[in-house]
Amino acid sequence: MSDKSFMRVEDVVKELDVSKSYAYKIVQQLNKELTEKGYLTISGRINRKYFLERTCYGDISGKNERND
């Protein structure tokens, strides 16, 4: 698995331009959603694809429409 599969809290801070404490809350909320769906999660990290879907940077099919 590549390092790009998961985002750390610091990545969320940079991506959304929010404080570190708020980024932790976002990661916790998204991980809670994934846990409720039956997925295994890692504290302090979030699946990049799921993060992009939930923050409107990607569509439901998983395509990332942003131009990086």
PDB file of N, CA and C in Angstrom:
ATOM      1  N   MET A   1       0.845  -1.175   0.000  1.00  0.00           N
ATOM      2  CA  MET A   1       0.000   0.000   0.000  1.00  0.00           C
ATOM      3  C   MET A   1       0.888   1.235   0.000  1.00  0.00           C
ATOM      4  N   SER A   2       0.567   2.174  -0.827  1.00  0.00           N
ATOM      5  CA  SER A   2       1.408   3.365  -0.927  1.00  0.00           C
ATOM      6  C   SER A   2       1.100   4.344   0.201  1.00  0.00           C
ATOM      7  N   ASP A   3       2.009   5.267   0.439  1.00  0.00           N
ATOM      8  CA  ASP A   3       1.816   6.297   1.452  1.00  0.00           C
ATOM      9  C   ASP A   3       0.674   7.232   1.091  1.00  0.00           C
ATOM     10  N   LYS A   4       0.271   7.247  -0.159  1.00  0.00           N
ATOM     11  CA  LYS A   4      -0.773   8.148  -0.629  1.00  0.00           C
ATOM     12  C   LYS A   4      -2.180   7.650  -0.313  1.00  0.00           C
ATOM     13  N   SER A   5      -2.322   6.429   0.186  1.00  0.00           N
ATOM     14  CA  SER A   5      -3.646   5.863   0.456  1.00  0.00           C
ATOM     15  C   SER A   5      -4.319   6.527   1.655  1.00  0.00           C
ATOM     16  N   PHE A   6      -3.526   6.985   2.601  1.00  0.00           N
ATOM     17  CA  PHE A   6      -4.065   7.595   3.804  1.00  0.00           C
ATOM     18  C   PHE A   6      -3.511   8.993   4.004  1.00  0.00           C
ATOM     19  N   MET A   7      -4.336   9.834   4.605  1.00  0.00           N
ATOM     20  CA  MET A   7      -3.920  11.194   4.947  1.00  0.00           C
ATOM     21  C   MET A   7      -3.746  11.263   6.458  1.00  0.00           C
ATOM     22  N   ARG A   8      -2.719  11.953   6.876  1.00  0.00           N
ATOM     23  CA  ARG A   8      -2.524  12.225   8.296  1.00  0.00           C
ATOM     24  C   ARG A   8      -3.227  13.542   8.630  1.00  0.00           C
ATOM     25  N   VAL A   9      -3.345  13.826   9.902  1.00  0.00           N
ATOM     26  CA  VAL A   9      -3.991  15.059  10.347  1.00  0.00           C
ATOM     27  C   VAL A   9      -3.309  16.278   9.725  1.00  0.00           C
ATOM     28  N   GLU A  10      -1.989  16.234   9.630  1.00  0.00           N
ATOM     29  CA  GLU A  10      -1.250  17.362   9.040  1.00  0.00           C
ATOM     30  C   GLU A  10      -1.652  17.590   7.584  1.00  0.00           C
ATOM     31  N   ASP A  11      -1.955  16.514   6.859  1.00  0.00           N
ATOM     32  CA  ASP A  11      -2.399  16.637   5.470  1.00  0.00           C
ATOM     33  C   ASP A  11      -3.775  17.300   5.399  1.00  0.00           C
ATOM     34  N   VAL A  12      -4.644  16.953   6.343  1.00  0.00           N
ATOM     35  CA  VAL A  12      -5.978  17.557   6.395  1.00  0.00           C
ATOM     36  C   VAL A  12      -5.859  19.044   6.708  1.00  0.00           C
ATOM     37  N   VAL A  13      -4.953  19.399   7.619  1.00  0.00           N
ATOM     38  CA  VAL A  13      -4.717  20.813   7.953  1.00  0.00           C
ATOM     39  C   VAL A  13      -4.356  21.591   6.696  1.00  0.00           C
ATOM     40  N   LYS A  14      -3.420  21.065   5.923  1.00  0.00           N
ATOM     41  CA  LYS A  14      -2.970  21.743   4.703  1.00  0.00           C
ATOM     42  C   LYS A  14      -4.071  21.795   3.649  1.00  0.00           C
ATOM     43  N   GLU A  15      -4.777  20.697   3.477  1.00  0.00           N
ATOM     44  CA  GLU A  15      -5.804  20.596   2.430  1.00  0.00           C
ATOM     45  C   GLU A  15      -6.976  21.544   2.680  1.00  0.00           C
ATOM     46  N   LEU A  16      -7.423  21.628   3.935  1.00  0.00           N
ATOM     47  CA  LEU A  16      -8.602  22.426   4.260  1.00  0.00           C
ATOM     48  C   LEU A  16      -8.290  23.774   4.889  1.00  0.00           C
ATOM     49  N   ASP A  17      -7.015  24.011   5.190  1.00  0.00           N
ATOM     50  CA  ASP A  17      -6.598  25.254   5.833  1.00  0.00           C
ATOM     51  C   ASP A  17      -7.368  25.483   7.138  1.00  0.00           C
ATOM     52  N   VAL A  18      -7.320  24.471   8.000  1.00  0.00           N
ATOM     53  CA  VAL A  18      -7.976  24.534   9.301  1.00  0.00           C
ATOM     54  C   VAL A  18      -6.933  24.279  10.389  1.00  0.00           C
ATOM     55  N   SER A  19      -7.330  24.499  11.638  1.00  0.00           N
ATOM     56  CA  SER A  19      -6.413  24.247  12.745  1.00  0.00           C
ATOM     57  C   SER A  19      -6.214  22.743  12.929  1.00  0.00           C
ATOM     58  N   LYS A  20      -5.152  22.400  13.630  1.00  0.00           N
ATOM     59  CA  LYS A  20      -4.844  20.997  13.866  1.00  0.00           C
ATOM     60  C   LYS A  20      -5.929  20.340  14.721  1.00  0.00           C
ATOM     61  N   SER A  21      -6.440  21.052  15.713  1.00  0.00           N
ATOM     62  CA  SER A  21      -7.484  20.468  16.561  1.00  0.00           C
ATOM     63  C   SER A  21      -8.766  20.216  15.770  1.00  0.00           C
ATOM     64  N   TYR A  22      -9.101  21.113  14.840  1.00  0.00           N
ATOM     65  CA  TYR A  22     -10.298  20.910  14.015  1.00  0.00           C
ATOM     66  C   TYR A  22     -10.078  19.766  13.030  1.00  0.00           C
ATOM     67  N   ALA A  23      -8.872  19.647  12.514  1.00  0.00           N
ATOM     68  CA  ALA A  23      -8.549  18.551  11.602  1.00  0.00           C
ATOM     69  C   ALA A  23      -8.698  17.205  12.317  1.00  0.00           C
ATOM     70  N   TYR A  24      -8.297  17.130  13.582  1.00  0.00           N
ATOM     71  CA  TYR A  24      -8.481  15.905  14.365  1.00  0.00           C
ATOM     72  C   TYR A  24      -9.968  15.559  14.469  1.00  0.00           C
ATOM     73  N   LYS A  25     -10.814  16.566  14.693  1.00  0.00           N
ATOM     74  CA  LYS A  25     -12.246  16.329  14.780  1.00  0.00           C
ATOM     75  C   LYS A  25     -12.796  15.798  13.458  1.00  0.00           C
ATOM     76  N   ILE A  26     -12.324  16.339  12.350  1.00  0.00           N
ATOM     77  CA  ILE A  26     -12.764  15.881  11.040  1.00  0.00           C
ATOM     78  C   ILE A  26     -12.354  14.424  10.821  1.00  0.00           C
ATOM     79  N   VAL A  27     -11.100  14.111  11.115  1.00  0.00           N
ATOM     80  CA  VAL A  27     -10.604  12.744  10.944  1.00  0.00           C
ATOM     81  C   VAL A  27     -11.387  11.785  11.843  1.00  0.00           C
ATOM     82  N   GLN A  28     -11.659  12.189  13.073  1.00  0.00           N
ATOM     83  CA  GLN A  28     -12.422  11.342  13.983  1.00  0.00           C
ATOM     84  C   GLN A  28     -13.834  11.097  13.453  1.00  0.00           C
ATOM     85  N   GLN A  29     -14.471  12.142  12.936  1.00  0.00           N
ATOM     86  CA  GLN A  29     -15.829  11.997  12.404  1.00  0.00           C
ATOM     87  C   GLN A  29     -15.854  11.071  11.191  1.00  0.00           C
ATOM     88  N   LEU A  30     -14.924  11.264  10.280  1.00  0.00           N
ATOM     89  CA  LEU A  30     -14.876  10.423   9.083  1.00  0.00           C
ATOM     90  C   LEU A  30     -14.550   8.973   9.444  1.00  0.00           C
ATOM     91  N   ASN A  31     -13.644   8.775  10.387  1.00  0.00           N
ATOM     92  CA  ASN A  31     -13.324   7.412  10.826  1.00  0.00           C
ATOM     93  C   ASN A  31     -14.519   6.763  11.525  1.00  0.00           C
ATOM     94  N   LYS A  32     -15.293   7.545  12.260  1.00  0.00           N
ATOM     95  CA  LYS A  32     -16.504   7.021  12.895  1.00  0.00           C
ATOM     96  C   LYS A  32     -17.488   6.545  11.832  1.00  0.00           C
ATOM     97  N   GLU A  33     -17.657   7.331  10.773  1.00  0.00           N
ATOM     98  CA  GLU A  33     -18.545   6.944   9.677  1.00  0.00           C
ATOM     99  C   GLU A  33     -18.073   5.632   9.039  1.00  0.00           C
ATOM    100  N   LEU A  34     -16.776   5.528   8.809  1.00  0.00           N
ATOM    101  CA  LEU A  34     -16.235   4.308   8.202  1.00  0.00           C
ATOM    102  C   LEU A  34     -16.395   3.105   9.123  1.00  0.00           C
ATOM    103  N   THR A  35     -16.186   3.306  10.414  1.00  0.00           N
ATOM    104  CA  THR A  35     -16.352   2.228  11.388  1.00  0.00           C
ATOM    105  C   THR A  35     -17.799   1.734  11.388  1.00  0.00           C
ATOM    106  N   GLU A  36     -18.745   2.660  11.317  1.00  0.00           N
ATOM    107  CA  GLU A  36     -20.161   2.294  11.289  1.00  0.00           C
ATOM    108  C   GLU A  36     -20.514   1.510  10.024  1.00  0.00           C
ATOM    109  N   LYS A  37     -19.750   1.718   8.964  1.00  0.00           N
ATOM    110  CA  LYS A  37     -19.957   0.982   7.722  1.00  0.00           C
ATOM    111  C   LYS A  37     -19.219  -0.360   7.734  1.00  0.00           C
ATOM    112  N   GLY A  38     -18.482  -0.618   8.819  1.00  0.00           N
ATOM    113  CA  GLY A  38     -17.802  -1.898   8.971  1.00  0.00           C
ATOM    114  C   GLY A  38     -16.347  -1.909   8.535  1.00  0.00           C
ATOM    115  N   TYR A  39     -15.770  -0.748   8.279  1.00  0.00           N
ATOM    116  CA  TYR A  39     -14.375  -0.677   7.865  1.00  0.00           C
ATOM    117  C   TYR A  39     -13.456  -0.541   9.070  1.00  0.00           C
ATOM    118  N   LEU A  40     -12.263  -1.064   8.938  1.00  0.00           N
ATOM    119  CA  LEU A  40     -11.218  -0.900   9.937  1.00  0.00           C
ATOM    120  C   LEU A  40     -10.585   0.472   9.715  1.00  0.00           C
ATOM    121  N   THR A  41     -10.378   1.224  10.778  1.00  0.00           N
ATOM    122  CA  THR A  41      -9.786   2.558  10.649  1.00  0.00           C
ATOM    123  C   THR A  41      -8.510   2.653  11.463  1.00  0.00           C
ATOM    124  N   ILE A  42      -7.720   3.676  11.171  1.00  0.00           N
ATOM    125  CA  ILE A  42      -6.474   3.939  11.885  1.00  0.00           C
ATOM    126  C   ILE A  42      -6.593   5.313  12.522  1.00  0.00           C
ATOM    127  N   SER A  43      -6.411   5.371  13.822  1.00  0.00           N
ATOM    128  CA  SER A  43      -6.521   6.629  14.544  1.00  0.00           C
ATOM    129  C   SER A  43      -5.512   7.650  14.005  1.00  0.00           C
ATOM    130  N   GLY A  44      -5.997   8.863  13.742  1.00  0.00           N
ATOM    131  CA  GLY A  44      -5.123   9.922  13.264  1.00  0.00           C
ATOM    132  C   GLY A  44      -4.886   9.912  11.767  1.00  0.00           C
ATOM    133  N   ARG A  45      -5.517   8.953  11.050  1.00  0.00           N
ATOM    134  CA  ARG A  45      -5.383   8.878   9.594  1.00  0.00           C
ATOM    135  C   ARG A  45      -6.748   8.617   8.980  1.00  0.00           C
ATOM    136  N   ILE A  46      -6.906   9.077   7.754  1.00  0.00           N
ATOM    137  CA  ILE A  46      -8.165   8.871   7.045  1.00  0.00           C
ATOM    138  C   ILE A  46      -7.864   8.427   5.618  1.00  0.00           C
ATOM    139  N   ASN A  47      -8.688   7.543   5.122  1.00  0.00           N
ATOM    140  CA  ASN A  47      -8.550   7.087   3.749  1.00  0.00           C
ATOM    141  C   ASN A  47      -8.694   8.289   2.820  1.00  0.00           C
ATOM    142  N   ARG A  48      -7.712   8.489   1.945  1.00  0.00           N
ATOM    143  CA  ARG A  48      -7.689   9.659   1.062  1.00  0.00           C
ATOM    144  C   ARG A  48      -8.924   9.714   0.164  1.00  0.00           C
ATOM    145  N   LYS A  49      -9.315   8.595  -0.413  1.00  0.00           N
ATOM    146  CA  LYS A  49     -10.464   8.558  -1.323  1.00  0.00           C
ATOM    147  C   LYS A  49     -11.738   8.968  -0.590  1.00  0.00           C
ATOM    148  N   TYR A  50     -11.938   8.428   0.604  1.00  0.00           N
ATOM    149  CA  TYR A  50     -13.132   8.760   1.383  1.00  0.00           C
ATOM    150  C   TYR A  50     -13.116  10.237   1.784  1.00  0.00           C
ATOM    151  N   PHE A  51     -11.958  10.732   2.183  1.00  0.00           N
ATOM    152  CA  PHE A  51     -11.839  12.150   2.535  1.00  0.00           C
ATOM    153  C   PHE A  51     -12.240  13.031   1.356  1.00  0.00           C
ATOM    154  N   LEU A  52     -11.746  12.714   0.178  1.00  0.00           N
ATOM    155  CA  LEU A  52     -12.048  13.516  -0.997  1.00  0.00           C
ATOM    156  C   LEU A  52     -13.531  13.465  -1.346  1.00  0.00           C
ATOM    157  N   GLU A  53     -14.153  12.299  -1.205  1.00  0.00           N
ATOM    158  CA  GLU A  53     -15.585  12.180  -1.466  1.00  0.00           C
ATOM    159  C   GLU A  53     -16.392  13.028  -0.492  1.00  0.00           C
ATOM    160  N   ARG A  54     -16.061  12.940   0.784  1.00  0.00           N
ATOM    161  CA  ARG A  54     -16.843  13.627   1.813  1.00  0.00           C
ATOM    162  C   ARG A  54     -16.608  15.129   1.856  1.00  0.00           C
ATOM    163  N   THR A  55     -15.515  15.595   1.306  1.00  0.00           N
ATOM    164  CA  THR A  55     -15.248  17.037   1.304  1.00  0.00           C
ATOM    165  C   THR A  55     -15.535  17.668  -0.051  1.00  0.00           C
ATOM    166  N   CYS A  56     -16.243  16.956  -0.899  1.00  0.00           N
ATOM    167  CA  CYS A  56     -16.690  17.458  -2.206  1.00  0.00           C
ATOM    168  C   CYS A  56     -15.549  17.684  -3.195  1.00  0.00           C
ATOM    169  N   TYR A  57     -14.381  17.086  -2.951  1.00  0.00           N
ATOM    170  CA  TYR A  57     -13.283  17.191  -3.911  1.00  0.00           C
ATOM    171  C   TYR A  57     -13.319  16.065  -4.930  1.00  0.00           C
ATOM    172  N   GLY A  58     -14.093  15.055  -4.644  1.00  0.00           N
ATOM    173  CA  GLY A  58     -14.228  13.924  -5.557  1.00  0.00           C
ATOM    174  C   GLY A  58     -15.687  13.591  -5.699  1.00  0.00           C
ATOM    175  N   ASP A  59     -16.061  12.904  -6.767  1.00  0.00           N
ATOM    176  CA  ASP A  59     -17.451  12.511  -6.911  1.00  0.00           C
ATOM    177  C   ASP A  59     -17.655  11.112  -6.351  1.00  0.00           C
ATOM    178  N   ILE A  60     -18.870  10.655  -6.349  1.00  0.00           N
ATOM    179  CA  ILE A  60     -19.215   9.378  -5.737  1.00  0.00           C
ATOM    180  C   ILE A  60     -18.515   8.210  -6.422  1.00  0.00           C
ATOM    181  N   SER A  61     -18.246   8.323  -7.719  1.00  0.00           N
ATOM    182  CA  SER A  61     -17.594   7.227  -8.431  1.00  0.00           C
ATOM    183  C   SER A  61     -16.114   7.108  -8.090  1.00  0.00           C
ATOM    184  N   GLY A  62     -15.597   8.069  -7.317  1.00  0.00           N
ATOM    185  CA  GLY A  62     -14.199   8.004  -6.900  1.00  0.00           C
ATOM    186  C   GLY A  62     -13.273   8.820  -7.771  1.00  0.00           C
ATOM    187  N   LYS A  63     -13.808   9.457  -8.811  1.00  0.00           N
ATOM    188  CA  LYS A  63     -12.967  10.299  -9.652  1.00  0.00           C
ATOM    189  C   LYS A  63     -12.649  11.579  -8.912  1.00  0.00           C
ATOM    190  N   ASN A  64     -11.423  12.005  -9.006  1.00  0.00           N
ATOM    191  CA  ASN A  64     -11.001  13.237  -8.396  1.00  0.00           C
ATOM    192  C   ASN A  64     -10.973  14.304  -9.486  1.00  0.00           C
ATOM    193  N   GLU A  65     -11.859  15.292  -9.360  1.00  0.00           N
ATOM    194  CA  GLU A  65     -11.984  16.294 -10.406  1.00  0.00           C
ATOM    195  C   GLU A  65     -11.041  17.475 -10.211  1.00  0.00           C
ATOM    196  N   ARG A  66     -10.297  17.498  -9.126  1.00  0.00           N
ATOM    197  CA  ARG A  66      -9.364  18.595  -8.899  1.00  0.00           C
ATOM    198  C   ARG A  66      -8.172  18.462  -9.824  1.00  0.00           C
ATOM    199  N   ASN A  67      -7.636  19.565 -10.208  1.00  0.00           N
ATOM    200  CA  ASN A  67      -6.429  19.583 -11.026  1.00  0.00           C
ATOM    201  C   ASN A  67      -5.255  19.952 -10.148  1.00  0.00           C
ATOM    202  N   ASP A  68      -4.490  18.944  -9.724  1.00  0.00           N
ATOM    203  CA  ASP A  68      -3.330  19.185  -8.866  1.00  0.00           C
ATOM    204  C   ASP A  68      -2.088  19.370  -9.672  1.00  0.00           C
TER     205      ASP A  68
END
